[in-house]
Amino acid sequence: MRLLKLAIAATAVALIAAPAMAQQYPSRPINLIVAFPAGGSTDIGARVVAGIAERMIGQPIVVVNKGGAGGQVGWTELARAKPDGYTIGFLNLPATNTTILDPERQAIFNEGSFTPIINQVLDPGVVWVAANSPFKTMKDVIDAAKSKPGTVRAATTGILSDDHLAILMVEEANPGATFRIVHLLGGAAQMKETLGGNIDVSFDNVGGIVPQVRGGQVRALAVMDIERSKFLPDVPTMKELGMPNVISSSTRGIAGPKGMDPAVVKKLQDVLSKAMADADHVKRLEDAGLAIKIMIGADYEKYYKETHEKAKKYTEWAKNRPQK
């Protein structure tokens, strides 16, 4: 009986303490994991929002770069963290999804390992070529991939990246078109190889090429979104080109480990949404060519699940697709 009373008392104390702890949160600095090296578009967005949000929340928000294995190192650390709100981090969809889905990656986390908090950026996919390329339109690229299958060198920023899946979508929408897929290590390598003439066409994201388009170094052929990009207003969408199902993007959103206190999640959502709506945040991301797309709570969870299901199809297809 005495043990039962002690157990009941302990439970009561825990129930009272939980709201109090949430009210006091945060009482120390918060780590914000970016699963890629410093200087990339995810890192840029992270540092901008962290700098604004920390003034609102009253504690430092420290951006911690944990690059390696295409994001897997950082996401592993995030999944393993204590769910107390002091370690949060960026998920990059669908890259996080395909890491989970690829058995060769042997990820220790799964789609249920995270608590989605808020999405910051939705960066649409884009198909582009060097300015001196003979390909003037997306039709030119597809016609070449049909007439000489497997010869048009199409670059991605990594195996099972959103860019890789986008190539598969284009092939699916254009029976007979087959690319020679070349996987490179990130956007910098992709830019170097394409401008150097070693790649015929590249699949990337709008935010990765805006400065080069404006500078006349590259030509964008198509944006993989339902509407034109405000950063590339003269570039048609895949829908306009007769491929309405070729929709691809890279989203960057903040999550925590599973099991977070809903009150802590709500506080983070309130602060981060205000920070993302801040005029300085909007300007600095737009100057970088990054389109803000705020999704909170249930909306972000829904998007996360839908992206995971879509990634399943193309991840399975990619296993049977020739690689380089």
Protein backbone atom coordinates (compact mmCIF):
# COMPACT_ATOMS: atom_id res chain seq x y z
CA MET A 1 0.00 0.00 0.00
CA ARG A 2 2.82 2.34 0.92
CA LEU A 3 4.50 1.72 -2.46
CA LEU A 4 1.21 2.43 -4.26
CA LYS A 5 0.84 5.74 -2.42
CA LEU A 6 4.40 6.69 -3.30
CA ALA A 7 3.80 5.87 -6.97
CA ILE A 8 0.61 7.95 -7.04
CA ALA A 9 2.41 10.84 -5.37
CA ALA A 10 5.29 10.66 -7.85
CA THR A 11 2.88 10.70 -10.79
CA ALA A 12 1.09 13.71 -9.36
CA VAL A 13 4.37 15.58 -8.94
CA ALA A 14 5.36 14.76 -12.54
CA LEU A 15 2.03 16.03 -13.87
CA ILE A 16 2.41 19.28 -11.97
CA ALA A 17 6.08 19.67 -12.92
CA ALA A 18 5.60 19.18 -16.68
CA PRO A 19 3.59 22.37 -17.31
CA ALA A 20 5.94 24.31 -15.04
CA MET A 21 8.98 23.10 -17.00
CA ALA A 22 7.31 24.06 -20.27
CA GLN A 23 6.58 27.54 -18.89
CA GLN A 24 10.24 27.96 -17.92
CA TYR A 25 11.48 26.71 -21.30
CA PRO A 26 14.01 27.60 -22.47
CA SER A 27 16.33 28.15 -19.54
CA ARG A 28 19.54 27.51 -21.50
CA PRO A 29 20.80 27.69 -25.13
CA ILE A 30 19.08 25.66 -27.85
CA ASN A 31 21.12 23.71 -30.42
CA LEU A 32 19.82 23.80 -34.00
CA ILE A 33 21.37 20.99 -36.06
CA VAL A 34 22.00 21.51 -39.77
CA ALA A 35 22.88 18.16 -41.34
CA PHE A 36 25.12 19.75 -43.98
CA PRO A 37 28.32 21.83 -43.99
CA ALA A 38 28.26 25.57 -43.35
CA GLY A 39 27.58 27.83 -46.31
CA GLY A 40 24.83 25.84 -48.03
CA SER A 41 21.28 27.07 -48.52
CA THR A 42 19.96 25.17 -45.48
CA ASP A 43 22.71 26.67 -43.34
CA ILE A 44 22.00 30.18 -44.64
CA GLY A 45 18.31 29.92 -43.80
CA ALA A 46 19.07 28.38 -40.41
CA ARG A 47 21.39 31.19 -39.34
CA VAL A 48 18.98 33.89 -40.43
CA VAL A 49 15.99 32.48 -38.55
CA ALA A 50 18.08 31.54 -35.51
CA GLY A 51 19.45 35.06 -35.18
CA ILE A 52 15.96 36.55 -35.16
CA ALA A 53 14.26 33.84 -33.06
CA GLU A 54 16.84 33.91 -30.26
CA ARG A 55 16.03 37.55 -29.57
CA MET A 56 12.39 36.59 -29.19
CA ILE A 57 12.84 33.47 -27.07
CA GLY A 58 15.44 34.92 -24.72
CA GLN A 59 18.16 32.28 -25.16
CA PRO A 60 20.88 31.71 -27.79
CA ILE A 61 19.95 29.40 -30.66
CA VAL A 62 23.24 27.85 -31.74
CA VAL A 63 23.49 26.49 -35.28
CA VAL A 64 25.50 23.25 -35.19
CA ASN A 65 26.68 21.87 -38.53
CA LYS A 66 26.77 18.06 -38.54
CA GLY A 67 27.53 17.22 -42.15
CA GLY A 68 28.25 13.75 -43.46
CA ALA A 69 26.67 10.84 -45.36
CA GLY A 70 24.28 13.12 -47.24
CA GLY A 71 22.68 14.42 -44.07
CA GLN A 72 22.47 11.08 -42.28
CA VAL A 73 24.99 12.02 -39.57
CA GLY A 74 23.03 15.08 -38.50
CA TRP A 75 19.64 13.39 -38.65
CA THR A 76 20.97 10.50 -36.58
CA GLU A 77 22.08 12.91 -33.86
CA LEU A 78 18.73 14.68 -33.95
CA ALA A 79 16.81 11.40 -33.65
CA ARG A 80 18.96 10.32 -30.71
CA ALA A 81 18.67 13.61 -28.81
CA LYS A 82 16.71 14.03 -25.60
CA PRO A 83 13.22 15.33 -26.52
CA ASP A 84 13.42 18.31 -24.17
CA GLY A 85 13.44 21.05 -26.82
CA TYR A 86 17.11 21.88 -26.39
CA THR A 87 18.15 19.98 -29.51
CA ILE A 88 16.17 20.63 -32.66
CA GLY A 89 17.26 20.49 -36.27
CA PHE A 90 16.45 20.79 -39.93
CA LEU A 91 14.86 18.02 -41.98
CA ASN A 92 15.46 18.22 -45.73
CA LEU A 93 12.61 16.53 -47.56
CA PRO A 94 12.72 14.27 -49.52
CA ALA A 95 16.41 13.63 -48.70
CA THR A 96 15.53 12.63 -45.13
CA ASN A 97 12.82 10.34 -46.49
CA THR A 98 15.02 8.60 -49.04
CA THR A 99 17.73 8.07 -46.41
CA ILE A 100 15.14 6.21 -44.34
CA LEU A 101 13.83 4.26 -47.33
CA ASP A 102 17.19 3.13 -48.75
CA PRO A 103 18.13 -0.12 -46.95
CA GLU A 104 21.77 0.31 -47.95
CA ARG A 105 21.96 3.44 -45.78
CA GLN A 106 21.02 1.41 -42.68
CA ALA A 107 19.57 4.48 -40.96
CA ILE A 108 18.86 4.01 -37.25
CA PHE A 109 15.92 6.42 -37.52
CA ASN A 110 12.59 6.11 -39.35
CA GLU A 111 9.74 8.39 -40.35
CA GLY A 112 8.38 8.28 -36.80
CA SER A 113 11.66 9.33 -35.17
CA PHE A 114 10.96 13.06 -35.40
CA THR A 115 8.47 15.66 -34.18
CA PRO A 116 7.78 18.05 -37.11
CA ILE A 117 7.64 21.61 -35.78
CA ILE A 118 7.62 24.13 -38.64
CA ASN A 119 8.69 24.34 -42.28
CA GLN A 120 10.74 27.31 -43.45
CA VAL A 121 11.54 26.94 -47.16
CA LEU A 122 10.11 25.18 -50.19
CA ASP A 123 12.70 25.38 -52.96
CA PRO A 124 11.23 24.15 -56.27
CA GLY A 125 13.22 21.94 -58.58
CA VAL A 126 14.64 23.41 -61.77
CA VAL A 127 16.23 22.03 -64.93
CA TRP A 128 19.13 24.10 -66.24
CA VAL A 129 22.01 24.12 -68.70
CA ALA A 130 25.13 26.18 -69.31
CA ALA A 131 24.50 29.39 -71.22
CA ASN A 132 26.38 28.04 -74.26
CA SER A 133 24.42 24.76 -74.34
CA PRO A 134 22.75 23.74 -77.61
CA PHE A 135 19.63 22.94 -75.56
CA LYS A 136 17.45 26.02 -75.67
CA THR A 137 14.25 24.47 -74.30
CA MET A 138 13.09 21.54 -72.20
CA LYS A 139 11.71 19.99 -75.38
CA ASP A 140 15.22 19.99 -76.85
CA VAL A 141 16.47 18.01 -73.85
CA ILE A 142 13.65 15.46 -73.98
CA ASP A 143 13.94 15.01 -77.74
CA ALA A 144 17.66 14.28 -77.36
CA ALA A 145 17.00 11.82 -74.52
CA LYS A 146 14.53 10.02 -76.80
CA SER A 147 16.57 10.01 -79.99
CA LYS A 148 19.77 8.86 -78.27
CA PRO A 149 18.74 7.14 -75.03
CA GLY A 150 21.37 7.04 -72.29
CA THR A 151 23.65 9.64 -73.86
CA VAL A 152 22.39 12.93 -72.41
CA ARG A 153 24.40 13.41 -69.22
CA ALA A 154 22.01 14.59 -66.51
CA ALA A 155 23.48 15.57 -63.14
CA THR A 156 22.00 15.35 -59.67
CA THR A 157 23.36 16.63 -56.37
CA GLY A 158 23.44 13.10 -54.98
CA ILE A 159 21.92 9.62 -55.14
CA LEU A 160 18.24 9.64 -54.13
CA SER A 161 18.26 13.43 -53.78
CA ASP A 162 15.15 15.32 -54.87
CA ASP A 163 17.05 16.05 -58.10
CA HIS A 164 17.56 12.31 -58.71
CA LEU A 165 13.86 11.63 -58.19
CA ALA A 166 13.01 14.55 -60.51
CA ILE A 167 14.92 12.92 -63.38
CA LEU A 168 12.91 9.74 -62.88
CA MET A 169 9.69 11.78 -62.94
CA VAL A 170 10.68 13.37 -66.26
CA GLU A 171 11.48 9.94 -67.74
CA GLU A 172 8.15 8.62 -66.49
CA ALA A 173 6.28 11.52 -68.11
CA ASN A 174 8.11 11.05 -71.42
CA PRO A 175 8.22 7.35 -72.40
CA GLY A 176 11.31 6.57 -74.40
CA ALA A 177 13.39 9.35 -72.85
CA THR A 178 16.34 7.94 -70.91
CA PHE A 179 19.13 10.00 -69.38
CA ARG A 180 22.63 9.03 -68.42
CA ILE A 181 22.36 9.94 -64.72
CA VAL A 182 25.51 11.29 -63.09
CA HIS A 183 25.52 11.78 -59.32
CA LEU A 184 27.72 14.59 -58.01
CA LEU A 185 28.53 15.71 -54.49
CA GLY A 186 26.38 18.80 -54.10
CA GLY A 187 25.56 21.95 -55.98
CA ALA A 188 29.10 23.34 -56.21
CA ALA A 189 30.36 20.23 -58.03
CA GLN A 190 27.29 20.27 -60.26
CA MET A 191 27.89 23.89 -61.25
CA LYS A 192 31.58 23.27 -61.96
CA GLU A 193 31.00 20.17 -64.09
CA THR A 194 28.10 21.67 -66.05
CA LEU A 195 29.88 24.93 -66.83
CA GLY A 196 32.98 22.89 -67.69
CA GLY A 197 31.08 20.94 -70.36
CA ASN A 198 31.19 17.58 -68.60
CA ILE A 199 27.43 17.59 -67.93
CA ASP A 200 24.74 18.29 -70.51
CA VAL A 201 21.83 19.18 -68.24
CA SER A 202 21.46 19.61 -64.50
CA PHE A 203 18.57 19.03 -62.12
CA ASP A 204 18.76 21.23 -59.02
CA ASN A 205 16.68 23.74 -57.05
CA VAL A 206 15.83 27.32 -57.90
CA GLY A 207 17.72 28.68 -54.89
CA GLY A 208 20.92 27.06 -56.14
CA ILE A 209 21.12 28.88 -59.48
CA VAL A 210 19.42 32.29 -59.19
CA PRO A 211 22.71 34.28 -59.04
CA GLN A 212 24.12 32.39 -62.04
CA VAL A 213 20.93 32.90 -64.08
CA ARG A 214 21.01 36.62 -63.32
CA GLY A 215 24.71 36.70 -64.20
CA GLY A 216 24.12 34.99 -67.54
CA GLN A 217 26.21 31.90 -66.78
CA VAL A 218 23.36 29.40 -66.95
CA ARG A 219 19.96 29.08 -68.59
CA ALA A 220 16.97 27.69 -66.70
CA LEU A 221 14.66 25.57 -68.87
CA ALA A 222 11.80 24.56 -66.55
CA VAL A 223 10.64 24.91 -62.95
CA MET A 224 9.12 21.84 -61.31
CA ASP A 225 6.28 23.52 -59.44
CA ILE A 226 2.60 24.28 -59.96
CA GLU A 227 3.35 27.96 -60.57
CA ARG A 228 6.23 30.02 -61.86
CA SER A 229 8.99 31.03 -59.47
CA LYS A 230 9.09 34.68 -58.43
CA PHE A 231 12.88 34.42 -58.79
CA LEU A 232 12.70 33.04 -62.35
CA PRO A 233 9.47 34.57 -63.68
CA ASP A 234 10.32 33.97 -67.35
CA VAL A 235 10.89 30.23 -66.92
CA PRO A 236 7.89 27.96 -67.66
CA THR A 237 6.65 25.31 -65.28
CA MET A 238 6.53 21.62 -66.14
CA LYS A 239 2.74 21.91 -66.07
CA GLU A 240 2.88 24.56 -68.79
CA LEU A 241 5.08 22.19 -70.79
CA GLY A 242 2.55 19.35 -70.57
CA MET A 243 4.02 17.51 -67.58
CA PRO A 244 1.64 18.38 -64.71
CA ASN A 245 2.82 15.49 -62.51
CA VAL A 246 6.47 16.50 -62.56
CA ILE A 247 6.47 18.37 -59.26
CA SER A 248 9.67 18.36 -57.25
CA SER A 249 11.14 20.47 -54.49
CA SER A 250 13.45 20.48 -51.51
CA THR A 251 11.85 21.65 -48.29
CA ARG A 252 13.77 22.71 -45.21
CA GLY A 253 11.87 22.53 -41.96
CA ILE A 254 12.63 22.31 -38.27
CA ALA A 255 11.85 19.23 -36.19
CA GLY A 256 12.82 17.67 -32.90
CA PRO A 257 13.15 14.09 -31.67
CA LYS A 258 9.95 12.15 -31.13
CA GLY A 259 8.28 12.50 -27.74
CA MET A 260 8.55 16.26 -27.28
CA ASP A 261 6.25 18.04 -24.83
CA PRO A 262 3.41 19.59 -26.91
CA ALA A 263 3.69 22.79 -24.86
CA VAL A 264 7.37 23.14 -25.78
CA VAL A 265 6.55 22.42 -29.44
CA LYS A 266 3.85 25.11 -29.35
CA LYS A 267 6.26 27.66 -27.90
CA LEU A 268 8.81 26.91 -30.60
CA GLN A 269 6.15 27.16 -33.29
CA ASP A 270 4.97 30.53 -32.00
CA VAL A 271 8.48 31.98 -31.84
CA LEU A 272 9.76 30.51 -35.10
CA SER A 273 6.67 31.49 -37.09
CA LYS A 274 7.05 35.09 -35.89
CA ALA A 275 10.74 35.01 -36.77
CA MET A 276 10.01 33.66 -40.25
CA ALA A 277 7.42 36.38 -40.85
CA ASP A 278 9.90 39.06 -39.78
CA ALA A 279 10.75 41.50 -42.59
CA ASP A 280 14.49 40.94 -42.18
CA HIS A 281 14.06 37.17 -42.51
CA VAL A 282 11.88 37.54 -45.59
CA LYS A 283 14.31 39.92 -47.31
CA ARG A 284 17.44 37.94 -46.56
CA LEU A 285 15.96 34.65 -47.77
CA GLU A 286 14.53 36.23 -50.89
CA ASP A 287 17.89 37.86 -51.63
CA ALA A 288 19.31 34.31 -51.53
CA GLY A 289 16.61 33.05 -53.92
CA LEU A 290 14.88 30.97 -51.25
CA ALA A 291 11.07 30.81 -51.25
CA ILE A 292 9.54 30.88 -47.78
CA LYS A 293 6.78 28.33 -47.21
CA ILE A 294 5.63 28.24 -43.60
CA MET A 295 3.83 25.05 -42.58
CA ILE A 296 3.07 24.45 -38.92
CA GLY A 297 1.97 21.47 -36.87
CA ALA A 298 -0.64 19.32 -38.58
CA ASP A 299 -0.01 20.92 -41.99
CA TYR A 300 3.69 20.17 -41.78
CA GLU A 301 3.06 16.64 -40.51
CA LYS A 302 0.69 16.01 -43.43
CA TYR A 303 3.25 17.29 -45.94
CA TYR A 304 5.94 15.14 -44.31
CA LYS A 305 3.81 11.98 -44.65
CA GLU A 306 2.78 12.74 -48.24
CA THR A 307 6.41 13.36 -49.24
CA HIS A 308 7.43 10.08 -47.63
CA GLU A 309 4.82 8.12 -49.58
CA LYS A 310 5.84 9.74 -52.87
CA ALA A 311 9.50 9.05 -52.15
CA LYS A 312 8.73 5.34 -51.66
CA LYS A 313 7.73 4.92 -55.28
CA TYR A 314 10.78 6.57 -56.81
CA THR A 315 13.24 5.11 -54.31
CA GLU A 316 12.10 1.62 -55.35
CA TRP A 317 12.30 2.57 -59.02
CA ALA A 318 15.81 4.00 -58.57
CA LYS A 319 17.10 0.64 -57.32
CA ASN A 320 16.49 -0.84 -60.77
CA ARG A 321 17.75 2.21 -62.66
CA PRO A 322 21.30 2.32 -64.09
CA GLN A 323 23.57 4.47 -61.93
CA LYS A 324 26.98 5.99 -62.36
